Amino acid sequence: MKRVFKKPYVYWIIAIFISYLFLAVYFSQFYTTAKFIPYYLNTIHWPRFVLALLFTLMIAFLVAVNSTYSYIKYQERKNIRKASTLTCAAALGGLTTGVCPACAATLLYLPNFLGISFTYSSLPFQGLEIQAALIIILIVSLYFVSRG
């Protein structure tokens, strides 16, 4: 695991982290939401918003570490199929929640022609539970890679 945080792999972690954050901001259209934050300072639930931002940063970091560590193990010819599957699923799940899951236009477009609509804000914790589950999945995935 210590190899992951040494050169050149630390640069990979930084690049994947930044790329993931860029994709999360782009897909969730947080750049549009961020413009209106000053207008709605009094209506934002700040603890939940800050927690969503922290979860997004944690997911991005764990995706970067998992991806880099999986690549290192793959080079060593280790069987990491289960861990890489979990990493991919969690990374895609993280992109669906975006930066702020309650205000994100989700990538999970359920068939609207059937009258089914879904938004993370309809969940009890406005999508924070999804982000917490993804963090747990990424930690389990990291365990499988290191055990692999």
Protein backbone atom coordinates (compact mmCIF):
# COMPACT_ATOMS: atom_id res chain seq x y z
CA MET A 1 0.00 0.00 0.00
CA LYS A 2 2.91 2.35 0.65
CA ARG A 3 3.88 2.14 -3.04
CA VAL A 4 0.69 3.96 -3.96
CA PHE A 5 1.86 7.16 -2.27
CA LYS A 6 5.31 7.22 -3.88
CA LYS A 7 6.39 8.64 -7.22
CA PRO A 8 5.09 8.24 -9.96
CA TYR A 9 1.88 6.80 -8.53
CA VAL A 10 1.15 9.81 -6.34
CA TYR A 11 0.85 11.86 -9.54
CA TRP A 12 -1.67 9.34 -10.84
CA ILE A 13 -3.70 9.72 -7.66
CA ILE A 14 -3.69 13.49 -8.04
CA ALA A 15 -4.66 13.29 -11.72
CA ILE A 16 -7.46 10.80 -11.11
CA PHE A 17 -8.69 12.81 -8.10
CA ILE A 18 -8.87 16.03 -10.12
CA SER A 19 -10.42 14.28 -13.13
CA TYR A 20 -13.04 12.63 -10.95
CA LEU A 21 -13.94 15.92 -9.26
CA PHE A 22 -14.19 17.60 -12.66
CA LEU A 23 -16.55 14.88 -13.90
CA ALA A 24 -18.63 15.04 -10.71
CA VAL A 25 -18.99 18.82 -11.02
CA TYR A 26 -19.76 18.57 -14.73
CA PHE A 27 -22.30 15.72 -14.55
CA SER A 28 -24.11 17.11 -11.52
CA GLN A 29 -24.05 20.61 -13.05
CA PHE A 30 -22.75 21.94 -9.76
CA TYR A 31 -21.14 24.83 -11.63
CA THR A 32 -24.66 26.13 -12.22
CA THR A 33 -25.74 25.55 -8.63
CA ALA A 34 -22.62 27.22 -7.22
CA LYS A 35 -23.54 30.51 -8.88
CA PHE A 36 -26.73 30.73 -6.84
CA ILE A 37 -25.26 29.85 -3.44
CA PRO A 38 -24.75 33.54 -2.49
CA TYR A 39 -28.45 34.23 -3.14
CA TYR A 40 -29.65 31.37 -0.95
CA LEU A 41 -27.23 31.59 1.97
CA ASN A 42 -30.05 31.57 4.51
CA THR A 43 -31.94 28.64 3.00
CA ILE A 44 -29.07 26.19 2.58
CA HIS A 45 -28.81 23.45 5.18
CA TRP A 46 -25.10 24.04 5.77
CA PRO A 47 -24.17 20.92 7.77
CA ARG A 48 -25.72 18.68 5.11
CA PHE A 49 -24.13 20.68 2.30
CA VAL A 50 -20.66 20.58 3.87
CA LEU A 51 -21.05 16.86 4.57
CA ALA A 52 -21.98 16.27 0.93
CA LEU A 53 -18.86 18.15 -0.17
CA LEU A 54 -16.68 16.18 2.23
CA PHE A 55 -18.20 12.90 1.05
CA THR A 56 -17.54 13.88 -2.56
CA LEU A 57 -13.89 14.62 -1.76
CA MET A 58 -13.58 11.31 0.10
CA ILE A 59 -15.15 9.38 -2.78
CA ALA A 60 -12.82 11.08 -5.27
CA PHE A 61 -9.78 10.27 -3.14
CA LEU A 62 -10.82 6.65 -2.60
CA VAL A 63 -11.54 6.17 -6.31
CA ALA A 64 -8.09 7.55 -7.12
CA VAL A 65 -6.32 5.35 -4.57
CA ASN A 66 -8.33 2.26 -5.54
CA SER A 67 -7.66 2.79 -9.23
CA THR A 68 -3.95 3.32 -8.75
CA TYR A 69 -3.57 0.43 -6.32
CA SER A 70 -5.56 -1.86 -8.62
CA TYR A 71 -3.22 -0.96 -11.46
CA ILE A 72 -0.18 -1.74 -9.32
CA LYS A 73 -1.65 -5.11 -8.32
CA TYR A 74 -2.58 -5.80 -11.94
CA GLN A 75 1.04 -5.22 -12.92
CA GLU A 76 2.02 -7.78 -10.28
CA ARG A 77 -0.42 -10.21 -11.93
CA LYS A 78 -2.72 -10.41 -8.94
CA ASN A 79 -6.34 -11.42 -9.36
CA ILE A 80 -8.29 -8.29 -8.41
CA ARG A 81 -11.48 -8.84 -10.35
CA LYS A 82 -13.83 -8.44 -7.35
CA ALA A 83 -12.08 -5.30 -6.12
CA SER A 84 -11.96 -3.64 -9.53
CA THR A 85 -15.65 -4.39 -10.07
CA LEU A 86 -16.50 -2.74 -6.75
CA THR A 87 -14.30 0.24 -7.59
CA CYS A 88 -15.97 0.76 -10.96
CA ALA A 89 -19.45 0.40 -9.51
CA ALA A 90 -18.69 2.85 -6.70
CA ALA A 91 -17.06 5.33 -9.08
CA LEU A 92 -20.12 5.31 -11.33
CA GLY A 93 -22.37 5.56 -8.29
CA GLY A 94 -20.37 8.52 -7.06
CA LEU A 95 -20.76 10.24 -10.39
CA THR A 96 -24.52 9.78 -10.21
CA THR A 97 -24.66 11.54 -6.85
CA GLY A 98 -22.47 14.39 -8.05
CA VAL A 99 -21.18 17.01 -5.66
CA CYS A 100 -24.47 17.81 -3.98
CA PRO A 101 -26.80 14.82 -4.34
CA ALA A 102 -29.89 16.78 -3.34
CA CYS A 103 -29.39 19.40 -6.04
CA ALA A 104 -27.88 17.18 -8.74
CA ALA A 105 -29.55 16.24 -11.94
CA THR A 106 -28.87 12.54 -11.57
CA LEU A 107 -27.41 10.29 -14.25
CA LEU A 108 -29.93 7.63 -13.28
CA TYR A 109 -32.66 8.71 -15.63
CA LEU A 110 -35.46 6.25 -15.02
CA PRO A 111 -37.95 5.90 -17.82
CA ASN A 112 -40.03 9.05 -17.72
CA PHE A 113 -42.38 7.67 -20.33
CA LEU A 114 -43.60 5.22 -17.66
CA GLY A 115 -44.22 8.06 -15.26
CA ILE A 116 -41.32 7.12 -13.03
CA SER A 117 -39.14 9.93 -11.79
CA PHE A 118 -36.37 9.84 -9.22
CA THR A 119 -34.24 12.35 -7.44
CA TYR A 120 -31.89 11.87 -4.52
CA SER A 121 -33.65 14.66 -2.65
CA SER A 122 -36.61 12.31 -2.20
CA LEU A 123 -34.48 10.06 0.02
CA PRO A 124 -34.49 10.60 3.81
CA PHE A 125 -31.02 12.18 3.91
CA GLN A 126 -31.15 13.72 0.40
CA GLY A 127 -28.60 11.30 -1.07
CA LEU A 128 -26.02 11.45 1.70
CA GLU A 129 -26.82 7.81 2.48
CA ILE A 130 -25.84 6.89 -1.06
CA GLN A 131 -22.53 8.71 -0.71
CA ALA A 132 -21.87 7.03 2.66
CA ALA A 133 -22.60 3.61 1.14
CA LEU A 134 -20.23 4.37 -1.74
CA ILE A 135 -17.47 5.29 0.71
CA ILE A 136 -17.98 1.97 2.49
CA ILE A 137 -17.92 0.10 -0.83
CA LEU A 138 -14.67 1.83 -1.80
CA ILE A 139 -13.06 0.98 1.54
CA VAL A 140 -14.12 -2.68 1.12
CA SER A 141 -12.74 -2.59 -2.41
CA LEU A 142 -9.43 -1.24 -1.12
CA TYR A 143 -9.37 -4.10 1.39
CA PHE A 144 -9.93 -6.65 -1.39
CA VAL A 145 -7.16 -5.11 -3.50
CA SER A 146 -4.67 -5.14 -0.62
CA ARG A 147 -5.61 -8.70 0.27
CA GLY A 148 -5.54 -9.78 -3.37
